[in-house]
PDB file of N, CA and C in Angstrom:
ATOM      1  N   MET A   1     -25.792  44.058  10.527  1.00  0.00           N
ATOM      2  CA  MET A   1     -27.076  43.638  11.056  1.00  0.00           C
ATOM      3  C   MET A   1     -28.011  43.335   9.891  1.00  0.00           C
ATOM      4  N   GLY A   2     -28.757  42.221   9.979  1.00  0.00           N
ATOM      5  CA  GLY A   2     -29.628  41.787   8.901  1.00  0.00           C
ATOM      6  C   GLY A   2     -30.943  42.548   8.864  1.00  0.00           C
ATOM      7  N   SER A   3     -31.595  42.429   7.754  1.00  0.00           N
ATOM      8  CA  SER A   3     -32.902  43.049   7.570  1.00  0.00           C
ATOM      9  C   SER A   3     -33.971  42.210   8.256  1.00  0.00           C
ATOM     10  N   PRO A   4     -35.021  42.840   8.797  1.00  0.00           N
ATOM     11  CA  PRO A   4     -36.082  42.061   9.433  1.00  0.00           C
ATOM     12  C   PRO A   4     -36.861  41.196   8.435  1.00  0.00           C
ATOM     13  N   GLU A   5     -36.717  41.472   7.137  1.00  0.00           N
ATOM     14  CA  GLU A   5     -37.412  40.658   6.151  1.00  0.00           C
ATOM     15  C   GLU A   5     -36.625  39.403   5.764  1.00  0.00           C
ATOM     16  N   HIS A   6     -35.447  39.210   6.330  1.00  0.00           N
ATOM     17  CA  HIS A   6     -34.624  38.038   6.048  1.00  0.00           C
ATOM     18  C   HIS A   6     -34.682  37.071   7.228  1.00  0.00           C
ATOM     19  N   ALA A   7     -34.690  35.778   6.913  1.00  0.00           N
ATOM     20  CA  ALA A   7     -34.684  34.760   7.961  1.00  0.00           C
ATOM     21  C   ALA A   7     -34.140  33.457   7.403  1.00  0.00           C
ATOM     22  N   VAL A   8     -33.502  32.685   8.282  1.00  0.00           N
ATOM     23  CA  VAL A   8     -33.039  31.341   7.936  1.00  0.00           C
ATOM     24  C   VAL A   8     -33.489  30.420   9.056  1.00  0.00           C
ATOM     25  N   GLU A   9     -34.217  29.367   8.693  1.00  0.00           N
ATOM     26  CA  GLU A   9     -34.717  28.414   9.678  1.00  0.00           C
ATOM     27  C   GLU A   9     -34.279  27.012   9.276  1.00  0.00           C
ATOM     28  N   ILE A  10     -33.899  26.227  10.265  1.00  0.00           N
ATOM     29  CA  ILE A  10     -33.586  24.826  10.029  1.00  0.00           C
ATOM     30  C   ILE A  10     -34.680  24.018  10.721  1.00  0.00           C
ATOM     31  N   LEU A  11     -35.296  23.129   9.952  1.00  0.00           N
ATOM     32  CA  LEU A  11     -36.448  22.378  10.431  1.00  0.00           C
ATOM     33  C   LEU A  11     -36.132  20.889  10.449  1.00  0.00           C
ATOM     34  N   ARG A  12     -36.542  20.226  11.492  1.00  0.00           N
ATOM     35  CA  ARG A  12     -36.323  18.781  11.580  1.00  0.00           C
ATOM     36  C   ARG A  12     -37.664  18.106  11.761  1.00  0.00           C
ATOM     37  N   ASP A  13     -38.090  17.382  10.747  1.00  0.00           N
ATOM     38  CA  ASP A  13     -39.286  16.568  10.862  1.00  0.00           C
ATOM     39  C   ASP A  13     -38.850  15.161  10.479  1.00  0.00           C
ATOM     40  N   LYS A  14     -39.169  14.705   9.298  1.00  0.00           N
ATOM     41  CA  LYS A  14     -38.663  13.411   8.836  1.00  0.00           C
ATOM     42  C   LYS A  14     -37.312  13.573   8.153  1.00  0.00           C
ATOM     43  N   LYS A  15     -37.123  14.718   7.522  1.00  0.00           N
ATOM     44  CA  LYS A  15     -35.846  15.064   6.896  1.00  0.00           C
ATOM     45  C   LYS A  15     -35.414  16.415   7.430  1.00  0.00           C
ATOM     46  N   TRP A  16     -34.225  16.811   7.101  1.00  0.00           N
ATOM     47  CA  TRP A  16     -33.728  18.138   7.454  1.00  0.00           C
ATOM     48  C   TRP A  16     -34.107  19.088   6.335  1.00  0.00           C
ATOM     49  N   THR A  17     -34.657  20.230   6.699  1.00  0.00           N
ATOM     50  CA  THR A  17     -35.066  21.230   5.721  1.00  0.00           C
ATOM     51  C   THR A  17     -34.556  22.594   6.161  1.00  0.00           C
ATOM     52  N   VAL A  18     -34.058  23.365   5.205  1.00  0.00           N
ATOM     53  CA  VAL A  18     -33.648  24.744   5.473  1.00  0.00           C
ATOM     54  C   VAL A  18     -34.621  25.645   4.721  1.00  0.00           C
ATOM     55  N   ARG A  19     -35.224  26.589   5.450  1.00  0.00           N
ATOM     56  CA  ARG A  19     -36.148  27.564   4.857  1.00  0.00           C
ATOM     57  C   ARG A  19     -35.460  28.922   4.896  1.00  0.00           C
ATOM     58  N   VAL A  20     -35.276  29.506   3.725  1.00  0.00           N
ATOM     59  CA  VAL A  20     -34.590  30.799   3.603  1.00  0.00           C
ATOM     60  C   VAL A  20     -35.584  31.834   3.077  1.00  0.00           C
ATOM     61  N   THR A  21     -35.746  32.914   3.829  1.00  0.00           N
ATOM     62  CA  THR A  21     -36.584  34.029   3.400  1.00  0.00           C
ATOM     63  C   THR A  21     -35.671  35.226   3.151  1.00  0.00           C
ATOM     64  N   ALA A  22     -35.706  35.722   1.921  1.00  0.00           N
ATOM     65  CA  ALA A  22     -34.855  36.859   1.554  1.00  0.00           C
ATOM     66  C   ALA A  22     -35.557  37.689   0.489  1.00  0.00           C
ATOM     67  N   TYR A  23     -35.570  38.982   0.690  1.00  0.00           N
ATOM     68  CA  TYR A  23     -36.110  39.924  -0.295  1.00  0.00           C
ATOM     69  C   TYR A  23     -37.540  39.572  -0.709  1.00  0.00           C
ATOM     70  N   GLY A  24     -38.352  39.137   0.255  1.00  0.00           N
ATOM     71  CA  GLY A  24     -39.755  38.855  -0.005  1.00  0.00           C
ATOM     72  C   GLY A  24     -40.066  37.481  -0.563  1.00  0.00           C
ATOM     73  N   SER A  25     -39.071  36.641  -0.753  1.00  0.00           N
ATOM     74  CA  SER A  25     -39.285  35.284  -1.271  1.00  0.00           C
ATOM     75  C   SER A  25     -38.810  34.254  -0.258  1.00  0.00           C
ATOM     76  N   THR A  26     -39.547  33.158  -0.161  1.00  0.00           N
ATOM     77  CA  THR A  26     -39.163  32.067   0.723  1.00  0.00           C
ATOM     78  C   THR A  26     -38.932  30.812  -0.100  1.00  0.00           C
ATOM     79  N   LEU A  27     -37.781  30.191   0.109  1.00  0.00           N
ATOM     80  CA  LEU A  27     -37.431  28.947  -0.566  1.00  0.00           C
ATOM     81  C   LEU A  27     -37.097  27.898   0.480  1.00  0.00           C
ATOM     82  N   THR A  28     -37.442  26.648   0.199  1.00  0.00           N
ATOM     83  CA  THR A  28     -37.086  25.560   1.108  1.00  0.00           C
ATOM     84  C   THR A  28     -36.185  24.583   0.378  1.00  0.00           C
ATOM     85  N   PHE A  29     -35.228  24.054   1.131  1.00  0.00           N
ATOM     86  CA  PHE A  29     -34.239  23.148   0.580  1.00  0.00           C
ATOM     87  C   PHE A  29     -34.164  21.905   1.466  1.00  0.00           C
ATOM     88  N   PRO A  30     -34.529  20.726   0.945  1.00  0.00           N
ATOM     89  CA  PRO A  30     -34.463  19.496   1.747  1.00  0.00           C
ATOM     90  C   PRO A  30     -33.055  18.890   1.715  1.00  0.00           C
ATOM     91  N   PHE A  31     -32.671  18.292   2.837  1.00  0.00           N
ATOM     92  CA  PHE A  31     -31.375  17.630   2.949  1.00  0.00           C
ATOM     93  C   PHE A  31     -31.556  16.289   3.643  1.00  0.00           C
ATOM     94  N   GLU A  32     -30.801  15.297   3.218  1.00  0.00           N
ATOM     95  CA  GLU A  32     -30.813  13.988   3.876  1.00  0.00           C
ATOM     96  C   GLU A  32     -29.973  14.009   5.154  1.00  0.00           C
ATOM     97  N   ALA A  33     -28.861  14.711   5.115  1.00  0.00           N
ATOM     98  CA  ALA A  33     -27.916  14.710   6.235  1.00  0.00           C
ATOM     99  C   ALA A  33     -27.972  16.020   7.019  1.00  0.00           C
ATOM    100  N   GLU A  34     -27.938  15.897   8.334  1.00  0.00           N
ATOM    101  CA  GLU A  34     -27.961  17.074   9.207  1.00  0.00           C
ATOM    102  C   GLU A  34     -26.781  17.998   8.946  1.00  0.00           C
ATOM    103  N   SER A  35     -25.604  17.427   8.750  1.00  0.00           N
ATOM    104  CA  SER A  35     -24.407  18.256   8.570  1.00  0.00           C
ATOM    105  C   SER A  35     -24.515  19.153   7.336  1.00  0.00           C
ATOM    106  N   TYR A  36     -25.086  18.633   6.246  1.00  0.00           N
ATOM    107  CA  TYR A  36     -25.258  19.433   5.038  1.00  0.00           C
ATOM    108  C   TYR A  36     -26.278  20.550   5.266  1.00  0.00           C
ATOM    109  N   ALA A  37     -27.360  20.215   5.950  1.00  0.00           N
ATOM    110  CA  ALA A  37     -28.391  21.214   6.236  1.00  0.00           C
ATOM    111  C   ALA A  37     -27.830  22.343   7.095  1.00  0.00           C
ATOM    112  N   ARG A  38     -27.094  21.978   8.135  1.00  0.00           N
ATOM    113  CA  ARG A  38     -26.527  22.998   9.021  1.00  0.00           C
ATOM    114  C   ARG A  38     -25.503  23.866   8.301  1.00  0.00           C
ATOM    115  N   SER A  39     -24.693  23.257   7.471  1.00  0.00           N
ATOM    116  CA  SER A  39     -23.690  24.013   6.717  1.00  0.00           C
ATOM    117  C   SER A  39     -24.356  25.002   5.761  1.00  0.00           C
ATOM    118  N   TYR A  40     -25.382  24.547   5.059  1.00  0.00           N
ATOM    119  CA  TYR A  40     -26.100  25.430   4.134  1.00  0.00           C
ATOM    120  C   TYR A  40     -26.786  26.566   4.896  1.00  0.00           C
ATOM    121  N   ALA A  41     -27.458  26.223   6.003  1.00  0.00           N
ATOM    122  CA  ALA A  41     -28.151  27.241   6.806  1.00  0.00           C
ATOM    123  C   ALA A  41     -27.165  28.273   7.340  1.00  0.00           C
ATOM    124  N   ASP A  42     -26.022  27.822   7.828  1.00  0.00           N
ATOM    125  CA  ASP A  42     -25.015  28.753   8.345  1.00  0.00           C
ATOM    126  C   ASP A  42     -24.519  29.699   7.259  1.00  0.00           C
ATOM    127  N   GLY A  43     -24.286  29.174   6.067  1.00  0.00           N
ATOM    128  CA  GLY A  43     -23.830  30.004   4.957  1.00  0.00           C
ATOM    129  C   GLY A  43     -24.856  31.055   4.552  1.00  0.00           C
ATOM    130  N   GLN A  44     -26.125  30.644   4.492  1.00  0.00           N
ATOM    131  CA  GLN A  44     -27.186  31.584   4.126  1.00  0.00           C
ATOM    132  C   GLN A  44     -27.386  32.639   5.210  1.00  0.00           C
ATOM    133  N   ALA A  45     -27.314  32.217   6.464  1.00  0.00           N
ATOM    134  CA  ALA A  45     -27.459  33.171   7.569  1.00  0.00           C
ATOM    135  C   ALA A  45     -26.326  34.195   7.541  1.00  0.00           C
ATOM    136  N   PHE A  46     -25.130  33.745   7.259  1.00  0.00           N
ATOM    137  CA  PHE A  46     -23.990  34.658   7.160  1.00  0.00           C
ATOM    138  C   PHE A  46     -24.204  35.644   6.021  1.00  0.00           C
ATOM    139  N   ARG A  47     -24.655  35.140   4.882  1.00  0.00           N
ATOM    140  CA  ARG A  47     -24.892  35.987   3.703  1.00  0.00           C
ATOM    141  C   ARG A  47     -25.938  37.058   3.985  1.00  0.00           C
ATOM    142  N   LEU A  48     -26.986  36.689   4.732  1.00  0.00           N
ATOM    143  CA  LEU A  48     -28.080  37.611   4.999  1.00  0.00           C
ATOM    144  C   LEU A  48     -27.901  38.401   6.292  1.00  0.00           C
ATOM    145  N   GLY A  49     -26.923  38.039   7.101  1.00  0.00           N
ATOM    146  CA  GLY A  49     -26.667  38.757   8.345  1.00  0.00           C
ATOM    147  C   GLY A  49     -27.694  38.476   9.426  1.00  0.00           C
ATOM    148  N   VAL A  50     -28.166  37.231   9.496  1.00  0.00           N
ATOM    149  CA  VAL A  50     -29.163  36.845  10.499  1.00  0.00           C
ATOM    150  C   VAL A  50     -28.693  35.614  11.269  1.00  0.00           C
ATOM    151  N   GLU A  51     -29.411  35.264  12.329  1.00  0.00           N
ATOM    152  CA  GLU A  51     -29.150  34.043  13.086  1.00  0.00           C
ATOM    153  C   GLU A  51     -30.003  32.918  12.519  1.00  0.00           C
ATOM    154  N   VAL A  52     -29.540  31.695  12.658  1.00  0.00           N
ATOM    155  CA  VAL A  52     -30.322  30.523  12.244  1.00  0.00           C
ATOM    156  C   VAL A  52     -31.300  30.190  13.362  1.00  0.00           C
ATOM    157  N   ALA A  53     -32.575  30.085  13.014  1.00  0.00           N
ATOM    158  CA  ALA A  53     -33.603  29.669  13.971  1.00  0.00           C
ATOM    159  C   ALA A  53     -33.838  28.171  13.775  1.00  0.00           C
ATOM    160  N   GLU A  54     -33.969  27.431  14.889  1.00  0.00           N
ATOM    161  CA  GLU A  54     -34.193  25.995  14.791  1.00  0.00           C
ATOM    162  C   GLU A  54     -35.580  25.632  15.297  1.00  0.00           C
ATOM    163  N   CYS A  55     -36.237  24.739  14.564  1.00  0.00           N
ATOM    164  CA  CYS A  55     -37.575  24.257  14.933  1.00  0.00           C
ATOM    165  C   CYS A  55     -37.611  22.748  14.776  1.00  0.00           C
ATOM    166  N   LYS A  56     -38.278  22.067  15.690  1.00  0.00           N
ATOM    167  CA  LYS A  56     -38.489  20.635  15.495  1.00  0.00           C
ATOM    168  C   LYS A  56     -39.591  20.416  14.478  1.00  0.00           C
ATOM    169  N   LYS A  57     -40.696  21.101  14.644  1.00  0.00           N
ATOM    170  CA  LYS A  57     -41.789  21.091  13.665  1.00  0.00           C
ATOM    171  C   LYS A  57     -42.335  22.499  13.566  1.00  0.00           C
ATOM    172  N   CYS A  58     -42.213  23.106  12.397  1.00  0.00           N
ATOM    173  CA  CYS A  58     -42.712  24.459  12.169  1.00  0.00           C
ATOM    174  C   CYS A  58     -43.746  24.407  11.063  1.00  0.00           C
ATOM    175  N   ALA A  59     -44.661  25.344  11.106  1.00  0.00           N
ATOM    176  CA  ALA A  59     -45.692  25.421  10.065  1.00  0.00           C
ATOM    177  C   ALA A  59     -45.119  25.974   8.790  1.00  0.00           C
TER     178      ALA A  59
END
């Protein structure tokens, strides 16, 4: 089970973006292709023990 301070979000606006929050830090990673974004998000979620949250537009 993951820590409540960890999160992985996949965002779709003009491009695909993965936002990873781990150990108090948040990083965002832009992707041109949906498949790459989903693969990266799935890997990070597995590493952190969390589910991937999806947003069309998130703040």
